[in-house]
C-alpha atoms as a PDB file:
ATOM      1  CA  MET A   1       0.000   0.000   0.000  1.00  0.00           C
ATOM      2  CA  GLU A   2       1.386   3.362  -0.979  1.00  0.00           C
ATOM      3  CA  LYS A   3       2.242   5.675   1.879  1.00  0.00           C
ATOM      4  CA  ASP A   4       0.434   8.704   0.401  1.00  0.00           C
ATOM      5  CA  LYS A   5      -2.778   6.669   0.083  1.00  0.00           C
ATOM      6  CA  LEU A   6      -2.492   5.345   3.609  1.00  0.00           C
ATOM      7  CA  TYR A   7      -1.349   8.503   5.346  1.00  0.00           C
ATOM      8  CA  SER A   8      -3.754  11.268   4.384  1.00  0.00           C
ATOM      9  CA  GLU A   9      -6.859  12.858   5.836  1.00  0.00           C
ATOM     10  CA  GLU A  10      -9.806  10.673   6.826  1.00  0.00           C
ATOM     11  CA  SER A  11     -12.138   9.886   3.955  1.00  0.00           C
ATOM     12  CA  VAL A  12     -15.208   7.837   3.114  1.00  0.00           C
ATOM     13  CA  ASN A  13     -13.182   4.623   3.134  1.00  0.00           C
ATOM     14  CA  THR A  14     -10.409   5.364   5.661  1.00  0.00           C
ATOM     15  CA  GLU A  15     -10.555   5.912   9.413  1.00  0.00           C
ATOM     16  CA  TYR A  16      -7.690   6.507  11.846  1.00  0.00           C
ATOM     17  CA  LYS A  17      -7.534   5.372  15.468  1.00  0.00           C
ATOM     18  CA  VAL A  18      -4.770   6.445  17.805  1.00  0.00           C
ATOM     19  CA  GLU A  19      -4.951   3.061  19.556  1.00  0.00           C
ATOM     20  CA  ILE A  20      -6.959  -0.145  19.607  1.00  0.00           C
ATOM     21  CA  PRO A  21      -9.883   0.483  21.979  1.00  0.00           C
ATOM     22  CA  PRO A  22     -10.327  -2.008  24.855  1.00  0.00           C
ATOM     23  CA  LYS A  23     -13.965  -2.419  23.757  1.00  0.00           C
ATOM     24  CA  SER A  24     -14.043  -3.613  20.170  1.00  0.00           C
ATOM     25  CA  GLU A  25     -17.546  -2.261  19.611  1.00  0.00           C
ATOM     26  CA  LYS A  26     -16.030   1.198  19.261  1.00  0.00           C
ATOM     27  CA  TYR A  27     -14.587   0.249  15.869  1.00  0.00           C
ATOM     28  CA  MET A  28     -16.807  -2.730  15.006  1.00  0.00           C
ATOM     29  CA  LYS A  29     -19.536  -0.388  13.757  1.00  0.00           C
ATOM     30  CA  THR A  30     -17.090   0.866  11.132  1.00  0.00           C
ATOM     31  CA  VAL A  31     -16.052  -2.694  10.227  1.00  0.00           C
ATOM     32  CA  VAL A  32     -19.686  -3.645   9.611  1.00  0.00           C
ATOM     33  CA  ALA A  33     -20.363  -0.442   7.689  1.00  0.00           C
ATOM     34  CA  TYR A  34     -17.408  -1.091   5.357  1.00  0.00           C
ATOM     35  CA  ALA A  35     -18.558  -4.668   4.716  1.00  0.00           C
ATOM     36  CA  ASN A  36     -22.048  -3.366   3.910  1.00  0.00           C
ATOM     37  CA  GLY A  37     -20.634  -0.836   1.449  1.00  0.00           C
ATOM     38  CA  ARG A  38     -17.634  -0.462  -0.793  1.00  0.00           C
ATOM     39  CA  GLY A  39     -15.089  -1.611   1.753  1.00  0.00           C
ATOM     40  CA  GLY A  40     -12.461   0.483   3.501  1.00  0.00           C
ATOM     41  CA  ARG A  41      -9.646   0.451   6.004  1.00  0.00           C
ATOM     42  CA  ILE A  42      -9.066   1.306   9.647  1.00  0.00           C
ATOM     43  CA  VAL A  43      -5.542   2.400  10.570  1.00  0.00           C
ATOM     44  CA  PHE A  44      -4.536   1.938  14.206  1.00  0.00           C
ATOM     45  CA  GLY A  45      -1.632   4.056  15.422  1.00  0.00           C
ATOM     46  CA  ILE A  46      -2.518   7.419  13.829  1.00  0.00           C
ATOM     47  CA  ASP A  47      -4.341  10.201  15.653  1.00  0.00           C
ATOM     48  CA  ASP A  48      -7.528  10.972  13.720  1.00  0.00           C
ATOM     49  CA  LYS A  49      -7.535  14.632  14.774  1.00  0.00           C
ATOM     50  CA  THR A  50      -3.919  15.640  14.182  1.00  0.00           C
ATOM     51  CA  LEU A  51      -2.809  12.804  11.842  1.00  0.00           C
ATOM     52  CA  LYS A  52       0.201  12.382  14.113  1.00  0.00           C
ATOM     53  CA  VAL A  53       1.757   8.934  13.762  1.00  0.00           C
ATOM     54  CA  VAL A  54       1.799   7.500  17.286  1.00  0.00           C
ATOM     55  CA  GLY A  55       2.479   3.893  16.322  1.00  0.00           C
ATOM     56  CA  ILE A  56       1.741   0.579  18.001  1.00  0.00           C
ATOM     57  CA  ASN A  57       4.074  -0.943  20.595  1.00  0.00           C
ATOM     58  CA  PRO A  58       6.289  -3.321  18.565  1.00  0.00           C
ATOM     59  CA  ASP A  59       6.547  -5.720  21.518  1.00  0.00           C
ATOM     60  CA  SER A  60       2.820  -6.438  21.410  1.00  0.00           C
ATOM     61  CA  VAL A  61       1.927  -5.677  17.805  1.00  0.00           C
ATOM     62  CA  PHE A  62       1.260  -9.284  16.783  1.00  0.00           C
ATOM     63  CA  GLN A  63      -0.875  -9.892  19.855  1.00  0.00           C
ATOM     64  CA  ALA A  64      -2.789  -6.762  18.864  1.00  0.00           C
ATOM     65  CA  ILE A  65      -3.304  -8.131  15.340  1.00  0.00           C
ATOM     66  CA  ASP A  66      -4.642 -11.389  16.750  1.00  0.00           C
ATOM     67  CA  ALA A  67      -6.960  -9.490  19.087  1.00  0.00           C
ATOM     68  CA  VAL A  68      -8.432  -7.443  16.237  1.00  0.00           C
ATOM     69  CA  THR A  69      -8.773 -10.507  14.003  1.00  0.00           C
ATOM     70  CA  ASN A  70     -10.589 -12.468  16.699  1.00  0.00           C
ATOM     71  CA  ALA A  71     -12.804  -9.526  17.645  1.00  0.00           C
ATOM     72  CA  VAL A  72     -13.945  -9.002  14.051  1.00  0.00           C
ATOM     73  CA  SER A  73     -14.496 -12.713  13.485  1.00  0.00           C
ATOM     74  CA  ASP A  74     -16.414 -13.215  16.740  1.00  0.00           C
ATOM     75  CA  SER A  75     -18.457  -9.996  16.728  1.00  0.00           C
ATOM     76  CA  CYS A  76     -19.885  -9.859  13.212  1.00  0.00           C
ATOM     77  CA  GLU A  77     -22.606 -11.810  11.459  1.00  0.00           C
ATOM     78  CA  PRO A  78     -22.214 -13.056   8.763  1.00  0.00           C
ATOM     79  CA  ARG A  79     -18.544 -13.596   9.567  1.00  0.00           C
ATOM     80  CA  ILE A  80     -16.074 -11.008   8.260  1.00  0.00           C
ATOM     81  CA  TYR A  81     -12.446 -11.870   7.520  1.00  0.00           C
ATOM     82  CA  PRO A  82     -10.256  -8.742   7.601  1.00  0.00           C
ATOM     83  CA  ASP A  83      -6.971  -8.428   5.750  1.00  0.00           C
ATOM     84  CA  ILE A  84      -4.576  -7.088   8.388  1.00  0.00           C
ATOM     85  CA  THR A  85      -1.081  -5.840   7.597  1.00  0.00           C
ATOM     86  CA  LEU A  86       1.705  -3.891   9.279  1.00  0.00           C
ATOM     87  CA  GLN A  87       2.987  -0.666   7.761  1.00  0.00           C
ATOM     88  CA  THR A  88       5.886   1.533   8.837  1.00  0.00           C
ATOM     89  CA  ILE A  89       5.499   5.310   8.770  1.00  0.00           C
ATOM     90  CA  ASN A  90       8.181   7.583  10.165  1.00  0.00           C
ATOM     91  CA  ASP A  91       9.882   4.535  11.727  1.00  0.00           C
ATOM     92  CA  LYS A  92       6.718   3.638  13.631  1.00  0.00           C
ATOM     93  CA  MET A  93       4.501   0.612  13.102  1.00  0.00           C
ATOM     94  CA  VAL A  94       0.794   0.995  12.375  1.00  0.00           C
ATOM     95  CA  ILE A  95      -1.818  -1.698  11.886  1.00  0.00           C
ATOM     96  CA  VAL A  96      -3.943  -1.481   8.756  1.00  0.00           C
ATOM     97  CA  VAL A  97      -7.237  -3.383   8.836  1.00  0.00           C
ATOM     98  CA  GLU A  98      -8.646  -3.778   5.329  1.00  0.00           C
ATOM     99  CA  ILE A  99     -12.334  -4.690   5.075  1.00  0.00           C
ATOM    100  CA  HIS A 100     -13.608  -5.837   1.706  1.00  0.00           C
ATOM    101  CA  PRO A 101     -17.169  -5.390   0.404  1.00  0.00           C
ATOM    102  CA  GLY A 102     -19.140  -8.368   1.678  1.00  0.00           C
ATOM    103  CA  PRO A 103     -21.163 -10.752  -0.522  1.00  0.00           C
ATOM    104  CA  MET A 104     -23.742 -11.648   2.177  1.00  0.00           C
ATOM    105  CA  ARG A 105     -25.141  -8.275   3.223  1.00  0.00           C
ATOM    106  CA  PRO A 106     -26.405  -6.937   5.479  1.00  0.00           C
ATOM    107  CA  TYR A 107     -23.608  -7.485   8.023  1.00  0.00           C
ATOM    108  CA  TYR A 108     -24.327  -6.588  11.617  1.00  0.00           C
ATOM    109  CA  ILE A 109     -22.888  -6.689  15.135  1.00  0.00           C
ATOM    110  CA  LYS A 110     -23.974 -10.044  16.518  1.00  0.00           C
ATOM    111  CA  SER A 111     -24.658  -8.851  20.066  1.00  0.00           C
ATOM    112  CA  GLN A 112     -26.971  -6.074  18.803  1.00  0.00           C
ATOM    113  CA  GLY A 113     -28.938  -8.169  16.331  1.00  0.00           C
ATOM    114  CA  VAL A 114     -29.748  -7.431  12.708  1.00  0.00           C
ATOM    115  CA  VAL A 115     -32.221  -4.632  13.474  1.00  0.00           C
ATOM    116  CA  ASN A 116     -30.036  -2.603  15.836  1.00  0.00           C
ATOM    117  CA  GLY A 117     -26.586  -3.750  14.744  1.00  0.00           C
ATOM    118  CA  THR A 118     -26.533  -2.961  11.015  1.00  0.00           C
ATOM    119  CA  TYR A 119     -24.459   0.090  10.022  1.00  0.00           C
ATOM    120  CA  ILE A 120     -23.576   1.802   6.753  1.00  0.00           C
ATOM    121  CA  ARG A 121     -21.242   4.563   5.586  1.00  0.00           C
ATOM    122  CA  VAL A 122     -22.837   7.888   4.683  1.00  0.00           C
ATOM    123  CA  ALA A 123     -20.644  10.817   3.629  1.00  0.00           C
ATOM    124  CA  GLY A 124     -17.604   9.449   5.446  1.00  0.00           C
ATOM    125  CA  THR A 125     -19.381   8.651   8.710  1.00  0.00           C
ATOM    126  CA  THR A 126     -20.767   5.425  10.147  1.00  0.00           C
ATOM    127  CA  ARG A 127     -24.519   5.527  10.621  1.00  0.00           C
ATOM    128  CA  HIS A 128     -27.159   3.106  11.790  1.00  0.00           C
ATOM    129  CA  ALA A 129     -28.642   1.566   8.647  1.00  0.00           C
ATOM    130  CA  GLU A 130     -32.175   1.094   9.941  1.00  0.00           C
ATOM    131  CA  GLU A 131     -32.232   4.646  11.273  1.00  0.00           C
ATOM    132  CA  TYR A 132     -30.979   6.097   7.991  1.00  0.00           C
ATOM    133  CA  MET A 133     -33.296   4.163   5.687  1.00  0.00           C
ATOM    134  CA  LEU A 134     -36.281   4.519   7.999  1.00  0.00           C
ATOM    135  CA  LYS A 135     -35.758   8.266   8.168  1.00  0.00           C
ATOM    136  CA  GLU A 136     -35.949   8.515   4.384  1.00  0.00           C
ATOM    137  CA  LEU A 137     -38.978   6.256   4.044  1.00  0.00           C
ATOM    138  CA  ILE A 138     -40.954   7.583   7.017  1.00  0.00           C
ATOM    139  CA  ALA A 139     -40.332  11.211   6.044  1.00  0.00           C
ATOM    140  CA  ASN A 140     -41.636  10.364   2.581  1.00  0.00           C
ATOM    141  CA  ALA A 141     -44.663   8.579   4.068  1.00  0.00           C
ATOM    142  CA  VAL A 142     -45.576  11.447   6.417  1.00  0.00           C
ATOM    143  CA  ALA A 143     -45.220  14.082   3.703  1.00  0.00           C
ATOM    144  CA  HIS A 144     -47.189  12.190   1.055  1.00  0.00           C
ATOM    145  CA  ARG A 145     -49.839  10.165   2.942  1.00  0.00           C
ATOM    146  CA  SER A 146     -53.527  11.017   2.709  1.00  0.00           C
ATOM    147  CA  TYR A 147     -54.822  12.490   5.956  1.00  0.00           C
ATOM    148  CA  LEU A 148     -58.385  12.008   4.726  1.00  0.00           C
ATOM    149  CA  GLU A 149     -57.923   8.250   5.004  1.00  0.00           C
ATOM    150  CA  PRO A 150     -58.181   6.492   8.401  1.00  0.00           C
ATOM    151  CA  GLY A 151     -55.240   4.552   9.754  1.00  0.00           C
ATOM    152  CA  ASN A 152     -51.617   5.190  10.638  1.00  0.00           C
ATOM    153  CA  ILE A 153     -48.266   4.820   8.959  1.00  0.00           C
ATOM    154  CA  GLN A 154     -47.121   1.275   9.658  1.00  0.00           C
ATOM    155  CA  VAL A 155     -43.543   0.034   9.909  1.00  0.00           C
ATOM    156  CA  ALA A 156     -42.986  -3.724   9.932  1.00  0.00           C
ATOM    157  CA  ILE A 157     -39.622  -5.507  10.181  1.00  0.00           C
ATOM    158  CA  PHE A 158     -39.308  -9.129   9.056  1.00  0.00           C
ATOM    159  CA  ASP A 159     -36.328 -11.459   8.720  1.00  0.00           C
ATOM    160  CA  ASP A 160     -36.067 -10.742   4.991  1.00  0.00           C
ATOM    161  CA  ARG A 161     -37.589  -7.287   4.553  1.00  0.00           C
ATOM    162  CA  LEU A 162     -38.661  -3.920   5.953  1.00  0.00           C
ATOM    163  CA  GLU A 163     -42.147  -2.610   5.091  1.00  0.00           C
ATOM    164  CA  VAL A 164     -43.351   0.999   5.371  1.00  0.00           C
ATOM    165  CA  THR A 165     -47.046   1.439   4.552  1.00  0.00           C
ATOM    166  CA  SER A 166     -48.889   4.766   4.409  1.00  0.00           C
ATOM    167  CA  PRO A 167     -52.626   5.436   3.906  1.00  0.00           C
ATOM    168  CA  GLY A 168     -53.750   6.776   0.544  1.00  0.00           C
ATOM    169  CA  MET A 169     -53.183   5.766  -3.051  1.00  0.00           C
ATOM    170  CA  LEU A 170     -50.895   7.674  -5.382  1.00  0.00           C
ATOM    171  CA  LEU A 171     -52.203  10.974  -6.711  1.00  0.00           C
ATOM    172  CA  ASN A 172     -53.394  11.309 -10.272  1.00  0.00           C
ATOM    173  CA  MET A 173     -50.564  11.678 -12.785  1.00  0.00           C
ATOM    174  CA  VAL A 174     -48.157  10.038 -10.310  1.00  0.00           C
ATOM    175  CA  SER A 175     -46.932   6.543 -11.130  1.00  0.00           C
ATOM    176  CA  ILE A 176     -44.396   4.227  -9.513  1.00  0.00           C
ATOM    177  CA  ARG A 177     -42.136   4.581 -12.553  1.00  0.00           C
ATOM    178  CA  LYS A 178     -42.222   8.383 -12.247  1.00  0.00           C
ATOM    179  CA  MET A 179     -41.468   8.211  -8.507  1.00  0.00           C
ATOM    180  CA  MET A 180     -38.421   6.024  -9.161  1.00  0.00           C
ATOM    181  CA  GLU A 181     -37.194   8.666 -11.612  1.00  0.00           C
ATOM    182  CA  GLY A 182     -37.635  11.465  -9.068  1.00  0.00           C
ATOM    183  CA  TYR A 183     -41.034  12.881 -10.017  1.00  0.00           C
ATOM    184  CA  SER A 184     -42.986  14.305  -7.078  1.00  0.00           C
ATOM    185  CA  LYS A 185     -46.408  15.880  -6.695  1.00  0.00           C
ATOM    186  CA  LEU A 186     -46.958  17.318  -3.232  1.00  0.00           C
ATOM    187  CA  ARG A 187     -50.050  16.096  -1.404  1.00  0.00           C
ATOM    188  CA  ASN A 188     -49.235  17.998   1.809  1.00  0.00           C
ATOM    189  CA  PRO A 189     -47.150  21.085   0.889  1.00  0.00           C
ATOM    190  CA  ALA A 190     -47.231  22.540   4.429  1.00  0.00           C
ATOM    191  CA  ILE A 191     -45.671  19.370   5.899  1.00  0.00           C
ATOM    192  CA  ALA A 192     -43.154  19.174   3.063  1.00  0.00           C
ATOM    193  CA  SER A 193     -42.131  22.807   3.637  1.00  0.00           C
ATOM    194  CA  ALA A 194     -41.728  22.197   7.370  1.00  0.00           C
ATOM    195  CA  PHE A 195     -39.594  19.111   6.696  1.00  0.00           C
ATOM    196  CA  ALA A 196     -37.431  21.078   4.288  1.00  0.00           C
ATOM    197  CA  TYR A 197     -36.974  23.857   6.853  1.00  0.00           C
ATOM    198  CA  MET A 198     -35.924  21.272   9.466  1.00  0.00           C
ATOM    199  CA  LYS A 199     -33.640  19.611   6.885  1.00  0.00           C
ATOM    200  CA  ILE A 200     -35.491  16.319   7.247  1.00  0.00           C
ATOM    201  CA  ILE A 201     -35.818  16.264   3.476  1.00  0.00           C
ATOM    202  CA  GLU A 202     -33.366  17.830   1.050  1.00  0.00           C
ATOM    203  CA  LYS A 203     -35.276  18.340  -2.183  1.00  0.00           C
ATOM    204  CA  TRP A 204     -38.689  17.399  -3.548  1.00  0.00           C
ATOM    205  CA  GLY A 205     -38.711  14.001  -5.222  1.00  0.00           C
ATOM    206  CA  THR A 206     -35.271  12.857  -4.019  1.00  0.00           C
ATOM    207  CA  GLY A 207     -36.335  10.488  -1.208  1.00  0.00           C
ATOM    208  CA  ILE A 208     -37.266   7.388  -3.221  1.00  0.00           C
ATOM    209  CA  PRO A 209     -34.433   7.734  -5.783  1.00  0.00           C
ATOM    210  CA  ARG A 210     -31.958   8.177  -2.916  1.00  0.00           C
ATOM    211  CA  VAL A 211     -33.168   4.989  -1.195  1.00  0.00           C
ATOM    212  CA  LEU A 212     -32.912   3.104  -4.503  1.00  0.00           C
ATOM    213  CA  ARG A 213     -29.389   4.450  -5.034  1.00  0.00           C
ATOM    214  CA  GLU A 214     -28.282   3.539  -1.514  1.00  0.00           C
ATOM    215  CA  CYS A 215     -29.604  -0.002  -1.899  1.00  0.00           C
ATOM    216  CA  ARG A 216     -27.670  -0.421  -5.148  1.00  0.00           C
ATOM    217  CA  GLU A 217     -24.536   0.999  -3.573  1.00  0.00           C
ATOM    218  CA  TYR A 218     -24.708  -1.349  -0.585  1.00  0.00           C
ATOM    219  CA  GLY A 219     -25.552  -4.400  -2.648  1.00  0.00           C
ATOM    220  CA  LEU A 220     -29.146  -4.818  -1.459  1.00  0.00           C
ATOM    221  CA  PRO A 221     -32.001  -5.972  -3.715  1.00  0.00           C
ATOM    222  CA  GLU A 222     -34.025  -3.212  -5.314  1.00  0.00           C
ATOM    223  CA  PRO A 223     -36.960  -2.130  -3.101  1.00  0.00           C
ATOM    224  CA  LYS A 224     -40.507  -2.717  -4.314  1.00  0.00           C
ATOM    225  CA  LEU A 225     -43.001   0.141  -4.502  1.00  0.00           C
ATOM    226  CA  ILE A 226     -46.577  -1.124  -4.234  1.00  0.00           C
ATOM    227  CA  ASP A 227     -49.821   0.838  -4.791  1.00  0.00           C
ATOM    228  CA  PHE A 228     -52.707  -1.304  -3.517  1.00  0.00           C
ATOM    229  CA  ASP A 229     -56.072  -1.273  -1.731  1.00  0.00           C
ATOM    230  CA  GLY A 230     -55.964   2.431  -0.932  1.00  0.00           C
ATOM    231  CA  ASP A 231     -52.483   2.281   0.581  1.00  0.00           C
ATOM    232  CA  PHE A 232     -48.923   2.772  -0.652  1.00  0.00           C
ATOM    233  CA  ARG A 233     -46.083   0.522   0.538  1.00  0.00           C
ATOM    234  CA  VAL A 234     -42.320   0.384   0.151  1.00  0.00           C
ATOM    235  CA  ASN A 235     -40.622  -2.972   0.764  1.00  0.00           C
ATOM    236  CA  MET A 236     -36.870  -3.110   1.374  1.00  0.00           C
ATOM    237  CA  TYR A 237     -35.211  -6.518   1.244  1.00  0.00           C
ATOM    238  CA  ARG A 238     -32.221  -8.131   2.876  1.00  0.00           C
ATOM    239  CA  ASP A 239     -29.716  -9.753   0.544  1.00  0.00           C
ATOM    240  CA  THR A 240     -30.222 -13.469   1.212  1.00  0.00           C
ATOM    241  CA  VAL A 241     -27.989 -14.766  -1.595  1.00  0.00           C
ATOM    242  CA  LYS A 242     -25.462 -17.237  -0.218  1.00  0.00           C
ATOM    243  CA  SER A 243     -22.258 -18.445  -1.781  1.00  0.00           C
ATOM    244  CA  ASN A 244     -22.606 -21.766  -3.597  1.00  0.00           C
ATOM    245  CA  ILE A 245     -18.888 -22.527  -3.438  1.00  0.00           C
ATOM    246  CA  GLN A 246     -18.303 -25.552  -1.262  1.00  0.00           C
ATOM    247  CA  ILE A 247     -15.488 -26.455   1.085  1.00  0.00           C
ATOM    248  CA  THR A 248     -14.979 -30.072   2.140  1.00  0.00           C
ATOM    249  CA  THR A 249     -13.199 -30.248   5.485  1.00  0.00           C
ATOM    250  CA  GLN A 250     -11.180 -33.414   5.841  1.00  0.00           C
ATOM    251  CA  THR A 251     -11.293 -33.272   9.619  1.00  0.00           C
ATOM    252  CA  THR A 252     -15.065 -33.609   9.890  1.00  0.00           C
ATOM    253  CA  GLN A 253     -15.913 -34.977   6.423  1.00  0.00           C
ATOM    254  CA  THR A 254     -18.735 -32.433   6.180  1.00  0.00           C
ATOM    255  CA  THR A 255     -19.555 -29.977   3.427  1.00  0.00           C
ATOM    256  CA  GLN A 256     -20.378 -26.359   4.239  1.00  0.00           C
ATOM    257  CA  ASN A 257     -21.827 -23.711   1.940  1.00  0.00           C
ATOM    258  CA  PHE A 258     -19.263 -21.105   2.907  1.00  0.00           C
ATOM    259  CA  MET A 259     -16.176 -19.593   1.331  1.00  0.00           C
ATOM    260  CA  PRO A 260     -14.074 -16.833   2.904  1.00  0.00           C
ATOM    261  CA  GLU A 261     -12.963 -13.979   0.702  1.00  0.00           C
ATOM    262  CA  PHE A 262      -9.293 -14.398  -0.160  1.00  0.00           C
ATOM    263  CA  THR A 263      -6.875 -11.504  -0.359  1.00  0.00           C
ATOM    264  CA  GLU A 264      -3.865 -11.379  -2.659  1.00  0.00           C
ATOM    265  CA  ASN A 265      -1.676 -12.375   0.285  1.00  0.00           C
ATOM    266  CA  ASP A 266      -3.885 -15.389   1.054  1.00  0.00           C
ATOM    267  CA  ILE A 267      -3.751 -16.536  -2.556  1.00  0.00           C
ATOM    268  CA  ALA A 268       0.025 -16.083  -2.715  1.00  0.00           C
ATOM    269  CA  ILE A 269       0.531 -18.445   0.230  1.00  0.00           C
ATOM    270  CA  LEU A 270      -2.031 -20.953  -1.049  1.00  0.00           C
ATOM    271  CA  LYS A 271      -0.296 -21.164  -4.425  1.00  0.00           C
ATOM    272  CA  VAL A 272       3.082 -21.747  -2.787  1.00  0.00           C
ATOM    273  CA  ILE A 273       1.610 -24.499  -0.611  1.00  0.00           C
ATOM    274  CA  GLN A 274      -0.164 -26.060  -3.576  1.00  0.00           C
ATOM    275  CA  HIS A 275       3.102 -26.164  -5.532  1.00  0.00           C
ATOM    276  CA  ASN A 276       5.097 -27.647  -2.642  1.00  0.00           C
ATOM    277  CA  PRO A 277       3.087 -28.811   0.419  1.00  0.00           C
ATOM    278  CA  LYS A 278       6.241 -29.834   2.329  1.00  0.00           C
ATOM    279  CA  LEU A 279       7.583 -26.292   2.724  1.00  0.00           C
ATOM    280  CA  THR A 280       8.166 -25.030   6.255  1.00  0.00           C
ATOM    281  CA  GLN A 281       7.109 -21.564   7.417  1.00  0.00           C
ATOM    282  CA  LYS A 282      10.668 -20.338   6.981  1.00  0.00           C
ATOM    283  CA  GLU A 283      10.846 -21.725   3.439  1.00  0.00           C
ATOM    284  CA  ILE A 284       7.510 -20.123   2.546  1.00  0.00           C
ATOM    285  CA  ALA A 285       8.849 -16.799   3.836  1.00  0.00           C
ATOM    286  CA  MET A 286      11.954 -17.174   1.635  1.00  0.00           C
ATOM    287  CA  GLU A 287       9.829 -18.136  -1.376  1.00  0.00           C
ATOM    288  CA  LEU A 288       7.633 -15.039  -1.018  1.00  0.00           C
ATOM    289  CA  ASP A 289      10.358 -12.732   0.312  1.00  0.00           C
ATOM    290  CA  TRP A 290       8.252 -12.096   3.410  1.00  0.00           C
ATOM    291  CA  THR A 291       9.100 -11.964   7.096  1.00  0.00           C
ATOM    292  CA  ILE A 292       8.464 -15.140   9.057  1.00  0.00           C
ATOM    293  CA  ASP A 293       5.974 -13.298  11.286  1.00  0.00           C
ATOM    294  CA  ARG A 294       3.950 -12.241   8.263  1.00  0.00           C
ATOM    295  CA  VAL A 295       3.814 -15.841   7.022  1.00  0.00           C
ATOM    296  CA  LYS A 296       2.766 -17.090  10.466  1.00  0.00           C
ATOM    297  CA  TYR A 297      -0.057 -14.582  10.619  1.00  0.00           C
ATOM    298  CA  TYR A 298      -1.627 -15.658   7.308  1.00  0.00           C
ATOM    299  CA  LEU A 299      -1.108 -19.360   7.941  1.00  0.00           C
ATOM    300  CA  ASN A 300      -2.785 -19.098  11.342  1.00  0.00           C
ATOM    301  CA  LYS A 301      -5.650 -17.122   9.847  1.00  0.00           C
ATOM    302  CA  MET A 302      -6.315 -19.730   7.166  1.00  0.00           C
ATOM    303  CA  LYS A 303      -6.017 -22.581   9.649  1.00  0.00           C
ATOM    304  CA  LYS A 304      -8.754 -20.953  11.722  1.00  0.00           C
ATOM    305  CA  GLN A 305     -10.839 -20.627   8.553  1.00  0.00           C
ATOM    306  CA  ALA A 306     -10.406 -24.371   7.861  1.00  0.00           C
ATOM    307  CA  VAL A 307      -8.722 -23.554   4.563  1.00  0.00           C
ATOM    308  CA  ILE A 308      -5.429 -25.359   5.314  1.00  0.00           C
ATOM    309  CA  LYS A 309      -4.225 -27.917   7.840  1.00  0.00           C
ATOM    310  CA  ARG A 310      -0.742 -28.881   8.987  1.00  0.00           C
ATOM    311  CA  VAL A 311      -0.146 -32.632   9.131  1.00  0.00           C
ATOM    312  CA  GLY A 312       2.858 -33.871  11.079  1.00  0.00           C
ATOM    313  CA  SER A 313       5.657 -31.864  12.672  1.00  0.00           C
ATOM    314  CA  SER A 314       6.729 -28.372  11.681  1.00  0.00           C
ATOM    315  CA  HIS A 315       9.894 -29.722  10.027  1.00  0.00           C
ATOM    316  CA  ASN A 316       8.899 -33.112   8.628  1.00  0.00           C
ATOM    317  CA  GLY A 317       5.179 -32.635   8.030  1.00  0.00           C
ATOM    318  CA  HIS A 318       3.198 -31.189   5.131  1.00  0.00           C
ATOM    319  CA  TRP A 319       0.310 -28.846   4.384  1.00  0.00           C
ATOM    320  CA  ASP A 320      -3.129 -30.081   3.333  1.00  0.00           C
ATOM    321  CA  LEU A 321      -5.326 -27.768   1.279  1.00  0.00           C
ATOM    322  CA  LEU A 322      -8.936 -28.186   2.417  1.00  0.00           C
ATOM    323  CA  ILE A 323     -10.304 -26.300  -0.589  1.00  0.00           C
ATOM    324  CA  GLU A 324      -9.847 -26.369  -4.332  1.00  0.00           C
ATOM    325  CA  ILE A 325      -8.082 -23.364  -5.859  1.00  0.00           C
END
């Protein structure tokens, strides 16, 4: 990673932390948000306010890497596998945690559940996904519902979708296709003006297109807009597509529908092992021109993922690949 790309001001896809917080939840929201979006990186050892390089204690840096790896793996659902590397800036070591866009969104903090623990990135900040999307949809429902019709705005959350239903059919000359393109005809101009003054809405007709755009950006299925029985409903769906790539673990002789995302470093080690399974850690390091600690980190990570297994001793044994590459 180039130094100028790593060491610059915070952006949409980069956050700096002066140290690794004792409570992982303080940065786990960002991890989840990156996985739900376009990915990003967290750099530990740089002050986010001054951009001063503080560094991580070299005596405990590998323990710190293990702690972050385990925290991310244990705290997130579906499981997230970060790509963690060490970088040196101004003779000080920093830890770079790279999070790739996830294929099984939405990702959430396990202890908070899918409703409260799902986060996304909005304009360079981490925000609660349900709160953000609900704000858009409910503001639209309040501003455009018919107050001549009985009933209330209803919000329903299911395992696979979020539903927001408001009383009143669409106005004449308004169609679902036009709404998706940004067309708006105000039913309640006084409410819309108040919302604009309070900055709850930004511009007429932008709410639905913005929700559609955000869903595309974060890899979610396109919402459905439904005009039926005197009501109007917006359904937002969770991405339930699972990977069909299979791993056969030789230790349990079971097949799981799961495949971790491999980084370039993972693939480099796997190819070396595939070519010569009898290589030791030291020989792998020489083959790749890496440090032995770097090799150990990636081997341990892939052993935990049930991607590789060491059979026999460290000197006379061999590596088994538990997947096909």
